[in-house]
Amino acid sequence: MGEVIQFVSKSERERIRLIQEARAIYDSIFPPADPSGEQSSGANARQSDRGNLA
């Protein structure tokens, strides 16, 4: 009864899909040094580098 349904535009879904695909390609070319620690350190590094991509 208390469910909230959020609308996500087609362009936003496409943007998310492209980002995920680019990350997968990047990881296939440059595999993380420590696959078990990627979630904690790798995700934070990507978040901080987003401003430098443009």
C-alpha atoms as a PDB file:
ATOM      1  CA  MET A   1       0.000   0.000   0.000  1.00  0.00           C
ATOM      2  CA  GLY A   2       2.865   2.388   0.765  1.00  0.00           C
ATOM      3  CA  GLU A   3       4.808   1.609  -2.428  1.00  0.00           C
ATOM      4  CA  VAL A   4       6.170   4.519  -4.434  1.00  0.00           C
ATOM      5  CA  ILE A   5       6.710   4.101  -8.142  1.00  0.00           C
ATOM      6  CA  GLN A   6       9.318   6.437  -9.574  1.00  0.00           C
ATOM      7  CA  PHE A   7       9.216   7.411 -13.255  1.00  0.00           C
ATOM      8  CA  VAL A   8      12.539   7.036 -15.050  1.00  0.00           C
ATOM      9  CA  SER A   9      12.692   8.557 -18.497  1.00  0.00           C
ATOM     10  CA  LYS A  10      13.925   6.583 -21.475  1.00  0.00           C
ATOM     11  CA  SER A  11      16.938   8.877 -21.849  1.00  0.00           C
ATOM     12  CA  GLU A  12      17.899   8.364 -18.187  1.00  0.00           C
ATOM     13  CA  ARG A  13      17.673   4.565 -18.579  1.00  0.00           C
ATOM     14  CA  GLU A  14      19.854   4.795 -21.701  1.00  0.00           C
ATOM     15  CA  ARG A  15      22.396   6.977 -19.856  1.00  0.00           C
ATOM     16  CA  ILE A  16      22.594   4.461 -17.006  1.00  0.00           C
ATOM     17  CA  ARG A  17      22.967   1.578 -19.474  1.00  0.00           C
ATOM     18  CA  LEU A  18      25.796   3.343 -21.319  1.00  0.00           C
ATOM     19  CA  ILE A  19      27.624   4.108 -18.072  1.00  0.00           C
ATOM     20  CA  GLN A  20      27.372   0.468 -16.979  1.00  0.00           C
ATOM     21  CA  GLU A  21      28.614  -0.702 -20.377  1.00  0.00           C
ATOM     22  CA  ALA A  22      31.545   1.730 -20.292  1.00  0.00           C
ATOM     23  CA  ARG A  23      32.496   0.568 -16.787  1.00  0.00           C
ATOM     24  CA  ALA A  24      32.419  -3.059 -17.901  1.00  0.00           C
ATOM     25  CA  ILE A  25      34.676  -2.270 -20.873  1.00  0.00           C
ATOM     26  CA  TYR A  26      37.059  -0.283 -18.671  1.00  0.00           C
ATOM     27  CA  ASP A  27      37.246  -3.113 -16.136  1.00  0.00           C
ATOM     28  CA  SER A  28      37.926  -5.633 -18.906  1.00  0.00           C
ATOM     29  CA  ILE A  29      40.847  -3.519 -20.184  1.00  0.00           C
ATOM     30  CA  PHE A  30      42.151  -2.408 -16.775  1.00  0.00           C
ATOM     31  CA  PRO A  31      41.228  -5.142 -14.294  1.00  0.00           C
ATOM     32  CA  PRO A  32      41.227  -4.065 -10.663  1.00  0.00           C
ATOM     33  CA  ALA A  33      44.407  -4.957  -8.764  1.00  0.00           C
ATOM     34  CA  ASP A  34      42.382  -6.499  -5.906  1.00  0.00           C
ATOM     35  CA  PRO A  35      39.078  -7.932  -7.201  1.00  0.00           C
ATOM     36  CA  SER A  36      37.813  -8.615  -3.672  1.00  0.00           C
ATOM     37  CA  GLY A  37      38.396  -5.007  -2.581  1.00  0.00           C
ATOM     38  CA  GLU A  38      37.011  -3.335  -5.701  1.00  0.00           C
ATOM     39  CA  GLN A  39      33.625  -2.557  -4.183  1.00  0.00           C
ATOM     40  CA  SER A  40      35.103  -0.566  -1.328  1.00  0.00           C
ATOM     41  CA  SER A  41      38.036   1.221  -2.966  1.00  0.00           C
ATOM     42  CA  GLY A  42      37.323   1.034  -6.707  1.00  0.00           C
ATOM     43  CA  ALA A  43      33.838   2.485  -6.495  1.00  0.00           C
ATOM     44  CA  ASN A  44      35.066   5.420  -4.423  1.00  0.00           C
ATOM     45  CA  ALA A  45      37.852   6.161  -6.889  1.00  0.00           C
ATOM     46  CA  ARG A  46      35.388   6.249  -9.769  1.00  0.00           C
ATOM     47  CA  GLN A  47      33.052   8.554  -7.877  1.00  0.00           C
ATOM     48  CA  SER A  48      35.833  11.072  -7.234  1.00  0.00           C
ATOM     49  CA  ASP A  49      37.131  10.943 -10.823  1.00  0.00           C
ATOM     50  CA  ARG A  50      33.824  11.716 -12.496  1.00  0.00           C
ATOM     51  CA  GLY A  51      34.570  15.435 -12.682  1.00  0.00           C
ATOM     52  CA  ASN A  52      37.853  14.776 -14.495  1.00  0.00           C
ATOM     53  CA  LEU A  53      36.372  12.776 -17.375  1.00  0.00           C
ATOM     54  CA  ALA A  54      35.067  15.729 -19.386  1.00  0.00           C
END
